[in-house]
Amino acid sequence: MRINEKMKIRNVAGENIVIMPSDDAADMTKVVALNESSLLMYNQLKGREFSLDDAVQLLLDNYDVDEATARKDAEAWLADMRKHRLIV
C-alpha cells in the first residue's frame, strides 16, 4: 500500500490537516486532522510501498509502547487512513 500523494498536509492554526476535494457539489471539501503519531507515520511512509509491519515498527521506534499496542494502533491508523482514501 502507499500514501495517496495527491493529498497534501497543511498546518492551519497549529493543526495538521489534510484537505481533500469532494465529489459532492454541495460539500466542496473534506478535512482530516492528523495527531502527532499520525503525522509521523504519514511523513515517514509517504513516497514508498509499506506494510502494516512497517507502521508497527515506526511506532515501536518512536514511542514507548509494547508490540501489541503498536500493532493495535497501527491497524486503527490504517483503517482510518483507508476510510478517508489517504492510502491507495
PDB file of N, CA and C in Angstrom:
ATOM      1  N   MET A   1       0.843  -1.184   0.000  1.00  0.00           N
ATOM      2  CA  MET A   1       0.000   0.000   0.000  1.00  0.00           C
ATOM      3  C   MET A   1       0.881   1.237   0.000  1.00  0.00           C
ATOM      4  N   ARG A   2       0.285   2.368  -0.361  1.00  0.00           N
ATOM      5  CA  ARG A   2       1.021   3.635  -0.451  1.00  0.00           C
ATOM      6  C   ARG A   2       0.142   4.772   0.050  1.00  0.00           C
ATOM      7  N   ILE A   3       0.786   5.819   0.563  1.00  0.00           N
ATOM      8  CA  ILE A   3       0.089   7.053   0.906  1.00  0.00           C
ATOM      9  C   ILE A   3      -0.378   7.697  -0.401  1.00  0.00           C
ATOM     10  N   ASN A   4      -1.596   8.184  -0.437  1.00  0.00           N
ATOM     11  CA  ASN A   4      -2.127   8.889  -1.599  1.00  0.00           C
ATOM     12  C   ASN A   4      -1.463  10.262  -1.659  1.00  0.00           C
ATOM     13  N   GLU A   5      -0.530  10.419  -2.566  1.00  0.00           N
ATOM     14  CA  GLU A   5       0.256  11.649  -2.612  1.00  0.00           C
ATOM     15  C   GLU A   5      -0.468  12.815  -3.273  1.00  0.00           C
ATOM     16  N   LYS A   6      -1.684  12.585  -3.745  1.00  0.00           N
ATOM     17  CA  LYS A   6      -2.491  13.693  -4.255  1.00  0.00           C
ATOM     18  C   LYS A   6      -2.961  14.589  -3.110  1.00  0.00           C
ATOM     19  N   MET A   7      -3.013  14.029  -1.916  1.00  0.00           N
ATOM     20  CA  MET A   7      -3.440  14.779  -0.737  1.00  0.00           C
ATOM     21  C   MET A   7      -2.211  15.420  -0.089  1.00  0.00           C
ATOM     22  N   LYS A   8      -2.343  16.649   0.318  1.00  0.00           N
ATOM     23  CA  LYS A   8      -1.223  17.366   0.934  1.00  0.00           C
ATOM     24  C   LYS A   8      -1.601  17.797   2.346  1.00  0.00           C
ATOM     25  N   ILE A   9      -0.627  17.763   3.236  1.00  0.00           N
ATOM     26  CA  ILE A   9      -0.834  18.199   4.616  1.00  0.00           C
ATOM     27  C   ILE A   9      -0.558  19.690   4.711  1.00  0.00           C
ATOM     28  N   ARG A  10      -1.406  20.365   5.427  1.00  0.00           N
ATOM     29  CA  ARG A  10      -1.232  21.796   5.704  1.00  0.00           C
ATOM     30  C   ARG A  10      -1.351  22.008   7.206  1.00  0.00           C
ATOM     31  N   ASN A  11      -0.605  22.967   7.714  1.00  0.00           N
ATOM     32  CA  ASN A  11      -0.733  23.345   9.116  1.00  0.00           C
ATOM     33  C   ASN A  11      -1.601  24.589   9.176  1.00  0.00           C
ATOM     34  N   VAL A  12      -2.752  24.458   9.803  1.00  0.00           N
ATOM     35  CA  VAL A  12      -3.707  25.556   9.925  1.00  0.00           C
ATOM     36  C   VAL A  12      -3.990  25.764  11.400  1.00  0.00           C
ATOM     37  N   ALA A  13      -3.634  26.928  11.888  1.00  0.00           N
ATOM     38  CA  ALA A  13      -3.860  27.287  13.300  1.00  0.00           C
ATOM     39  C   ALA A  13      -3.313  26.221  14.247  1.00  0.00           C
ATOM     40  N   GLY A  14      -2.135  25.686  13.933  1.00  0.00           N
ATOM     41  CA  GLY A  14      -1.490  24.713  14.801  1.00  0.00           C
ATOM     42  C   GLY A  14      -1.972  23.282  14.634  1.00  0.00           C
ATOM     43  N   GLU A  15      -2.917  23.053  13.737  1.00  0.00           N
ATOM     44  CA  GLU A  15      -3.430  21.702  13.470  1.00  0.00           C
ATOM     45  C   GLU A  15      -2.896  21.223  12.130  1.00  0.00           C
ATOM     46  N   ASN A  16      -2.438  19.979  12.089  1.00  0.00           N
ATOM     47  CA  ASN A  16      -2.001  19.374  10.833  1.00  0.00           C
ATOM     48  C   ASN A  16      -3.215  18.715  10.202  1.00  0.00           C
ATOM     49  N   ILE A  17      -3.602  19.216   9.023  1.00  0.00           N
ATOM     50  CA  ILE A  17      -4.806  18.706   8.377  1.00  0.00           C
ATOM     51  C   ILE A  17      -4.533  18.348   6.928  1.00  0.00           C
ATOM     52  N   VAL A  18      -5.336  17.428   6.434  1.00  0.00           N
ATOM     53  CA  VAL A  18      -5.333  17.071   5.024  1.00  0.00           C
ATOM     54  C   VAL A  18      -6.657  17.580   4.479  1.00  0.00           C
ATOM     55  N   ILE A  19      -6.588  18.398   3.455  1.00  0.00           N
ATOM     56  CA  ILE A  19      -7.796  18.917   2.815  1.00  0.00           C
ATOM     57  C   ILE A  19      -7.977  18.171   1.509  1.00  0.00           C
ATOM     58  N   MET A  20      -9.142  17.528   1.378  1.00  0.00           N
ATOM     59  CA  MET A  20      -9.403  16.697   0.215  1.00  0.00           C
ATOM     60  C   MET A  20     -10.580  17.249  -0.567  1.00  0.00           C
ATOM     61  N   PRO A  21     -10.455  17.332  -1.869  1.00  0.00           N
ATOM     62  CA  PRO A  21     -11.607  17.746  -2.676  1.00  0.00           C
ATOM     63  C   PRO A  21     -12.697  16.687  -2.602  1.00  0.00           C
ATOM     64  N   SER A  22     -13.937  17.124  -2.684  1.00  0.00           N
ATOM     65  CA  SER A  22     -15.076  16.215  -2.618  1.00  0.00           C
ATOM     66  C   SER A  22     -15.730  16.075  -3.979  1.00  0.00           C
ATOM     67  N   ASP A  23     -16.330  14.925  -4.215  1.00  0.00           N
ATOM     68  CA  ASP A  23     -17.093  14.710  -5.439  1.00  0.00           C
ATOM     69  C   ASP A  23     -18.494  15.289  -5.322  1.00  0.00           C
ATOM     70  N   ASP A  24     -18.902  15.595  -4.106  1.00  0.00           N
ATOM     71  CA  ASP A  24     -20.242  16.104  -3.834  1.00  0.00           C
ATOM     72  C   ASP A  24     -20.268  17.615  -4.065  1.00  0.00           C
ATOM     73  N   ALA A  25     -21.131  18.077  -4.946  1.00  0.00           N
ATOM     74  CA  ALA A  25     -21.187  19.506  -5.284  1.00  0.00           C
ATOM     75  C   ALA A  25     -21.599  20.361  -4.085  1.00  0.00           C
ATOM     76  N   ALA A  26     -22.377  19.812  -3.166  1.00  0.00           N
ATOM     77  CA  ALA A  26     -22.835  20.585  -2.008  1.00  0.00           C
ATOM     78  C   ALA A  26     -21.717  20.763  -0.978  1.00  0.00           C
ATOM     79  N   ASP A  27     -20.836  19.772  -0.852  1.00  0.00           N
ATOM     80  CA  ASP A  27     -19.733  19.818   0.103  1.00  0.00           C
ATOM     81  C   ASP A  27     -18.446  19.792  -0.696  1.00  0.00           C
ATOM     82  N   MET A  28     -17.812  20.921  -0.841  1.00  0.00           N
ATOM     83  CA  MET A  28     -16.661  21.034  -1.732  1.00  0.00           C
ATOM     84  C   MET A  28     -15.372  20.423  -1.175  1.00  0.00           C
ATOM     85  N   THR A  29     -15.251  20.310   0.150  1.00  0.00           N
ATOM     86  CA  THR A  29     -14.024  19.774   0.710  1.00  0.00           C
ATOM     87  C   THR A  29     -14.308  18.914   1.933  1.00  0.00           C
ATOM     88  N   LYS A  30     -13.346  18.064   2.236  1.00  0.00           N
ATOM     89  CA  LYS A  30     -13.356  17.281   3.466  1.00  0.00           C
ATOM     90  C   LYS A  30     -12.019  17.534   4.135  1.00  0.00           C
ATOM     91  N   VAL A  31     -12.019  17.572   5.456  1.00  0.00           N
ATOM     92  CA  VAL A  31     -10.805  17.850   6.207  1.00  0.00           C
ATOM     93  C   VAL A  31     -10.559  16.714   7.192  1.00  0.00           C
ATOM     94  N   VAL A  32      -9.322  16.233   7.237  1.00  0.00           N
ATOM     95  CA  VAL A  32      -8.926  15.211   8.195  1.00  0.00           C
ATOM     96  C   VAL A  32      -7.766  15.770   9.003  1.00  0.00           C
ATOM     97  N   ALA A  33      -7.900  15.760  10.328  1.00  0.00           N
ATOM     98  CA  ALA A  33      -6.833  16.232  11.210  1.00  0.00           C
ATOM     99  C   ALA A  33      -5.917  15.061  11.565  1.00  0.00           C
ATOM    100  N   LEU A  34      -4.619  15.311  11.611  1.00  0.00           N
ATOM    101  CA  LEU A  34      -3.638  14.293  11.974  1.00  0.00           C
ATOM    102  C   LEU A  34      -2.984  14.664  13.296  1.00  0.00           C
ATOM    103  N   ASN A  35      -3.018  13.735  14.256  1.00  0.00           N
ATOM    104  CA  ASN A  35      -2.313  13.986  15.514  1.00  0.00           C
ATOM    105  C   ASN A  35      -0.822  13.718  15.307  1.00  0.00           C
ATOM    106  N   GLU A  36      -0.047  13.854  16.349  1.00  0.00           N
ATOM    107  CA  GLU A  36       1.414  13.744  16.243  1.00  0.00           C
ATOM    108  C   GLU A  36       1.859  12.394  15.674  1.00  0.00           C
ATOM    109  N   SER A  37       1.305  11.307  16.179  1.00  0.00           N
ATOM    110  CA  SER A  37       1.742   9.995  15.700  1.00  0.00           C
ATOM    111  C   SER A  37       1.253   9.730  14.275  1.00  0.00           C
ATOM    112  N   SER A  38       0.050  10.182  13.929  1.00  0.00           N
ATOM    113  CA  SER A  38      -0.456  10.039  12.558  1.00  0.00           C
ATOM    114  C   SER A  38       0.417  10.812  11.582  1.00  0.00           C
ATOM    115  N   LEU A  39       0.789  12.010  11.966  1.00  0.00           N
ATOM    116  CA  LEU A  39       1.652  12.832  11.114  1.00  0.00           C
ATOM    117  C   LEU A  39       3.014  12.175  10.919  1.00  0.00           C
ATOM    118  N   LEU A  40       3.581  11.636  11.988  1.00  0.00           N
ATOM    119  CA  LEU A  40       4.862  10.944  11.897  1.00  0.00           C
ATOM    120  C   LEU A  40       4.782   9.788  10.909  1.00  0.00           C
ATOM    121  N   MET A  41       3.769   8.944  11.054  1.00  0.00           N
ATOM    122  CA  MET A  41       3.654   7.792  10.163  1.00  0.00           C
ATOM    123  C   MET A  41       3.381   8.233   8.729  1.00  0.00           C
ATOM    124  N   TYR A  42       2.526   9.226   8.555  1.00  0.00           N
ATOM    125  CA  TYR A  42       2.229   9.749   7.216  1.00  0.00           C
ATOM    126  C   TYR A  42       3.520  10.225   6.542  1.00  0.00           C
ATOM    127  N   ASN A  43       4.292  11.039   7.247  1.00  0.00           N
ATOM    128  CA  ASN A  43       5.524  11.596   6.663  1.00  0.00           C
ATOM    129  C   ASN A  43       6.592  10.534   6.421  1.00  0.00           C
ATOM    130  N   GLN A  44       6.722   9.567   7.313  1.00  0.00           N
ATOM    131  CA  GLN A  44       7.757   8.549   7.174  1.00  0.00           C
ATOM    132  C   GLN A  44       7.415   7.501   6.117  1.00  0.00           C
ATOM    133  N   LEU A  45       6.125   7.286   5.865  1.00  0.00           N
ATOM    134  CA  LEU A  45       5.717   6.226   4.944  1.00  0.00           C
ATOM    135  C   LEU A  45       5.365   6.720   3.545  1.00  0.00           C
ATOM    136  N   LYS A  46       5.205   8.035   3.371  1.00  0.00           N
ATOM    137  CA  LYS A  46       4.825   8.535   2.044  1.00  0.00           C
ATOM    138  C   LYS A  46       5.963   8.327   1.053  1.00  0.00           C
ATOM    139  N   GLY A  47       5.577   8.149  -0.203  1.00  0.00           N
ATOM    140  CA  GLY A  47       6.565   8.004  -1.266  1.00  0.00           C
ATOM    141  C   GLY A  47       7.126   6.615  -1.441  1.00  0.00           C
ATOM    142  N   ARG A  48       6.555   5.623  -0.747  1.00  0.00           N
ATOM    143  CA  ARG A  48       7.058   4.255  -0.884  1.00  0.00           C
ATOM    144  C   ARG A  48       5.964   3.256  -0.532  1.00  0.00           C
ATOM    145  N   GLU A  49       6.156   2.045  -0.970  1.00  0.00           N
ATOM    146  CA  GLU A  49       5.278   0.947  -0.568  1.00  0.00           C
ATOM    147  C   GLU A  49       5.576   0.621   0.892  1.00  0.00           C
ATOM    148  N   PHE A  50       4.535   0.308   1.661  1.00  0.00           N
ATOM    149  CA  PHE A  50       4.747  -0.078   3.049  1.00  0.00           C
ATOM    150  C   PHE A  50       3.694  -1.094   3.470  1.00  0.00           C
ATOM    151  N   SER A  51       3.944  -1.726   4.598  1.00  0.00           N
ATOM    152  CA  SER A  51       3.046  -2.745   5.133  1.00  0.00           C
ATOM    153  C   SER A  51       2.624  -2.359   6.548  1.00  0.00           C
ATOM    154  N   LEU A  52       1.709  -3.129   7.086  1.00  0.00           N
ATOM    155  CA  LEU A  52       1.311  -2.949   8.488  1.00  0.00           C
ATOM    156  C   LEU A  52       2.534  -3.055   9.385  1.00  0.00           C
ATOM    157  N   ASP A  53       3.400  -4.006   9.109  1.00  0.00           N
ATOM    158  CA  ASP A  53       4.596  -4.190   9.938  1.00  0.00           C
ATOM    159  C   ASP A  53       5.493  -2.960   9.922  1.00  0.00           C
ATOM    160  N   ASP A  54       5.565  -2.249   8.792  1.00  0.00           N
ATOM    161  CA  ASP A  54       6.352  -1.010   8.733  1.00  0.00           C
ATOM    162  C   ASP A  54       5.765   0.042   9.671  1.00  0.00           C
ATOM    163  N   ALA A  55       4.436   0.163   9.678  1.00  0.00           N
ATOM    164  CA  ALA A  55       3.774   1.131  10.558  1.00  0.00           C
ATOM    165  C   ALA A  55       3.991   0.753  12.018  1.00  0.00           C
ATOM    166  N   VAL A  56       3.897  -0.534  12.323  1.00  0.00           N
ATOM    167  CA  VAL A  56       4.134  -1.009  13.696  1.00  0.00           C
ATOM    168  C   VAL A  56       5.555  -0.653  14.123  1.00  0.00           C
ATOM    169  N   GLN A  57       6.521  -0.905  13.263  1.00  0.00           N
ATOM    170  CA  GLN A  57       7.920  -0.627  13.610  1.00  0.00           C
ATOM    171  C   GLN A  57       8.158   0.855  13.850  1.00  0.00           C
ATOM    172  N   LEU A  58       7.514   1.711  13.069  1.00  0.00           N
ATOM    173  CA  LEU A  58       7.644   3.156  13.305  1.00  0.00           C
ATOM    174  C   LEU A  58       7.159   3.538  14.698  1.00  0.00           C
ATOM    175  N   LEU A  59       6.043   2.971  15.111  1.00  0.00           N
ATOM    176  CA  LEU A  59       5.526   3.268  16.446  1.00  0.00           C
ATOM    177  C   LEU A  59       6.465   2.736  17.526  1.00  0.00           C
ATOM    178  N   LEU A  60       6.994   1.529  17.326  1.00  0.00           N
ATOM    179  CA  LEU A  60       7.929   0.958  18.297  1.00  0.00           C
ATOM    180  C   LEU A  60       9.209   1.780  18.396  1.00  0.00           C
ATOM    181  N   ASP A  61       9.673   2.290  17.258  1.00  0.00           N
ATOM    182  CA  ASP A  61      10.910   3.071  17.232  1.00  0.00           C
ATOM    183  C   ASP A  61      10.759   4.462  17.851  1.00  0.00           C
ATOM    184  N   ASN A  62       9.542   5.001  17.843  1.00  0.00           N
ATOM    185  CA  ASN A  62       9.357   6.394  18.252  1.00  0.00           C
ATOM    186  C   ASN A  62       8.562   6.599  19.531  1.00  0.00           C
ATOM    187  N   TYR A  63       7.925   5.545  20.030  1.00  0.00           N
ATOM    188  CA  TYR A  63       7.110   5.681  21.239  1.00  0.00           C
ATOM    189  C   TYR A  63       7.399   4.529  22.186  1.00  0.00           C
ATOM    190  N   ASP A  64       7.192   4.759  23.465  1.00  0.00           N
ATOM    191  CA  ASP A  64       7.419   3.745  24.486  1.00  0.00           C
ATOM    192  C   ASP A  64       6.159   2.891  24.628  1.00  0.00           C
ATOM    193  N   VAL A  65       5.970   1.977  23.662  1.00  0.00           N
ATOM    194  CA  VAL A  65       4.814   1.085  23.657  1.00  0.00           C
ATOM    195  C   VAL A  65       5.278  -0.336  23.381  1.00  0.00           C
ATOM    196  N   ASP A  66       4.470  -1.310  23.809  1.00  0.00           N
ATOM    197  CA  ASP A  66       4.788  -2.705  23.506  1.00  0.00           C
ATOM    198  C   ASP A  66       4.267  -3.036  22.109  1.00  0.00           C
ATOM    199  N   GLU A  67       4.699  -4.187  21.598  1.00  0.00           N
ATOM    200  CA  GLU A  67       4.354  -4.530  20.222  1.00  0.00           C
ATOM    201  C   GLU A  67       2.848  -4.706  20.026  1.00  0.00           C
ATOM    202  N   ALA A  68       2.157  -5.275  20.992  1.00  0.00           N
ATOM    203  CA  ALA A  68       0.710  -5.476  20.856  1.00  0.00           C
ATOM    204  C   ALA A  68      -0.020  -4.138  20.740  1.00  0.00           C
ATOM    205  N   THR A  69       0.387  -3.175  21.550  1.00  0.00           N
ATOM    206  CA  THR A  69      -0.225  -1.841  21.499  1.00  0.00           C
ATOM    207  C   THR A  69       0.100  -1.161  20.179  1.00  0.00           C
ATOM    208  N   ALA A  70       1.356  -1.255  19.751  1.00  0.00           N
ATOM    209  CA  ALA A  70       1.766  -0.641  18.481  1.00  0.00           C
ATOM    210  C   ALA A  70       0.983  -1.249  17.323  1.00  0.00           C
ATOM    211  N   ARG A  71       0.792  -2.556  17.329  1.00  0.00           N
ATOM    212  CA  ARG A  71       0.058  -3.217  16.244  1.00  0.00           C
ATOM    213  C   ARG A  71      -1.402  -2.769  16.239  1.00  0.00           C
ATOM    214  N   LYS A  72      -2.012  -2.725  17.405  1.00  0.00           N
ATOM    215  CA  LYS A  72      -3.407  -2.280  17.507  1.00  0.00           C
ATOM    216  C   LYS A  72      -3.557  -0.849  16.999  1.00  0.00           C
ATOM    217  N   ASP A  73      -2.649   0.022  17.413  1.00  0.00           N
ATOM    218  CA  ASP A  73      -2.696   1.425  16.985  1.00  0.00           C
ATOM    219  C   ASP A  73      -2.426   1.570  15.488  1.00  0.00           C
ATOM    220  N   ALA A  74      -1.487   0.795  14.954  1.00  0.00           N
ATOM    221  CA  ALA A  74      -1.185   0.853  13.523  1.00  0.00           C
ATOM    222  C   ALA A  74      -2.375   0.350  12.706  1.00  0.00           C
ATOM    223  N   GLU A  75      -3.022  -0.700  13.167  1.00  0.00           N
ATOM    224  CA  GLU A  75      -4.208  -1.208  12.475  1.00  0.00           C
ATOM    225  C   GLU A  75      -5.310  -0.156  12.457  1.00  0.00           C
ATOM    226  N   ALA A  76      -5.520   0.521  13.581  1.00  0.00           N
ATOM    227  CA  ALA A  76      -6.539   1.573  13.660  1.00  0.00           C
ATOM    228  C   ALA A  76      -6.179   2.732  12.734  1.00  0.00           C
ATOM    229  N   TRP A  77      -4.898   3.104  12.706  1.00  0.00           N
ATOM    230  CA  TRP A  77      -4.441   4.193  11.831  1.00  0.00           C
ATOM    231  C   TRP A  77      -4.682   3.843  10.366  1.00  0.00           C
ATOM    232  N   LEU A  78      -4.317   2.623   9.979  1.00  0.00           N
ATOM    233  CA  LEU A  78      -4.510   2.200   8.598  1.00  0.00           C
ATOM    234  C   LEU A  78      -5.987   2.170   8.229  1.00  0.00           C
ATOM    235  N   ALA A  79      -6.836   1.698   9.120  1.00  0.00           N
ATOM    236  CA  ALA A  79      -8.276   1.664   8.853  1.00  0.00           C
ATOM    237  C   ALA A  79      -8.806   3.074   8.641  1.00  0.00           C
ATOM    238  N   ASP A  80      -8.358   3.998   9.471  1.00  0.00           N
ATOM    239  CA  ASP A  80      -8.808   5.392   9.350  1.00  0.00           C
ATOM    240  C   ASP A  80      -8.275   6.025   8.063  1.00  0.00           C
ATOM    241  N   MET A  81      -7.035   5.737   7.731  1.00  0.00           N
ATOM    242  CA  MET A  81      -6.443   6.275   6.502  1.00  0.00           C
ATOM    243  C   MET A  81      -7.179   5.727   5.273  1.00  0.00           C
ATOM    244  N   ARG A  82      -7.534   4.446   5.301  1.00  0.00           N
ATOM    245  CA  ARG A  82      -8.293   3.858   4.190  1.00  0.00           C
ATOM    246  C   ARG A  82      -9.681   4.495   4.089  1.00  0.00           C
ATOM    247  N   LYS A  83     -10.320   4.680   5.234  1.00  0.00           N
ATOM    248  CA  LYS A  83     -11.661   5.269   5.266  1.00  0.00           C
ATOM    249  C   LYS A  83     -11.685   6.622   4.573  1.00  0.00           C
ATOM    250  N   HIS A  84     -10.628   7.398   4.753  1.00  0.00           N
ATOM    251  CA  HIS A  84     -10.557   8.744   4.179  1.00  0.00           C
ATOM    252  C   HIS A  84      -9.811   8.773   2.848  1.00  0.00           C
ATOM    253  N   ARG A  85      -9.544   7.589   2.294  1.00  0.00           N
ATOM    254  CA  ARG A  85      -8.869   7.443   0.999  1.00  0.00           C
ATOM    255  C   ARG A  85      -7.481   8.102   0.963  1.00  0.00           C
ATOM    256  N   LEU A  86      -6.801   8.046   2.087  1.00  0.00           N
ATOM    257  CA  LEU A  86      -5.448   8.586   2.152  1.00  0.00           C
ATOM    258  C   LEU A  86      -4.403   7.520   1.827  1.00  0.00           C
ATOM    259  N   ILE A  87      -4.864   6.278   1.681  1.00  0.00           N
ATOM    260  CA  ILE A  87      -3.995   5.171   1.286  1.00  0.00           C
ATOM    261  C   ILE A  87      -4.575   4.566   0.015  1.00  0.00           C
ATOM    262  N   VAL A  88      -3.688   4.292  -0.938  1.00  0.00           N
ATOM    263  CA  VAL A  88      -4.115   3.641  -2.191  1.00  0.00           C
ATOM    264  C   VAL A  88      -3.412   2.313  -2.352  1.00  0.00           C
TER     265      VAL A  88
END
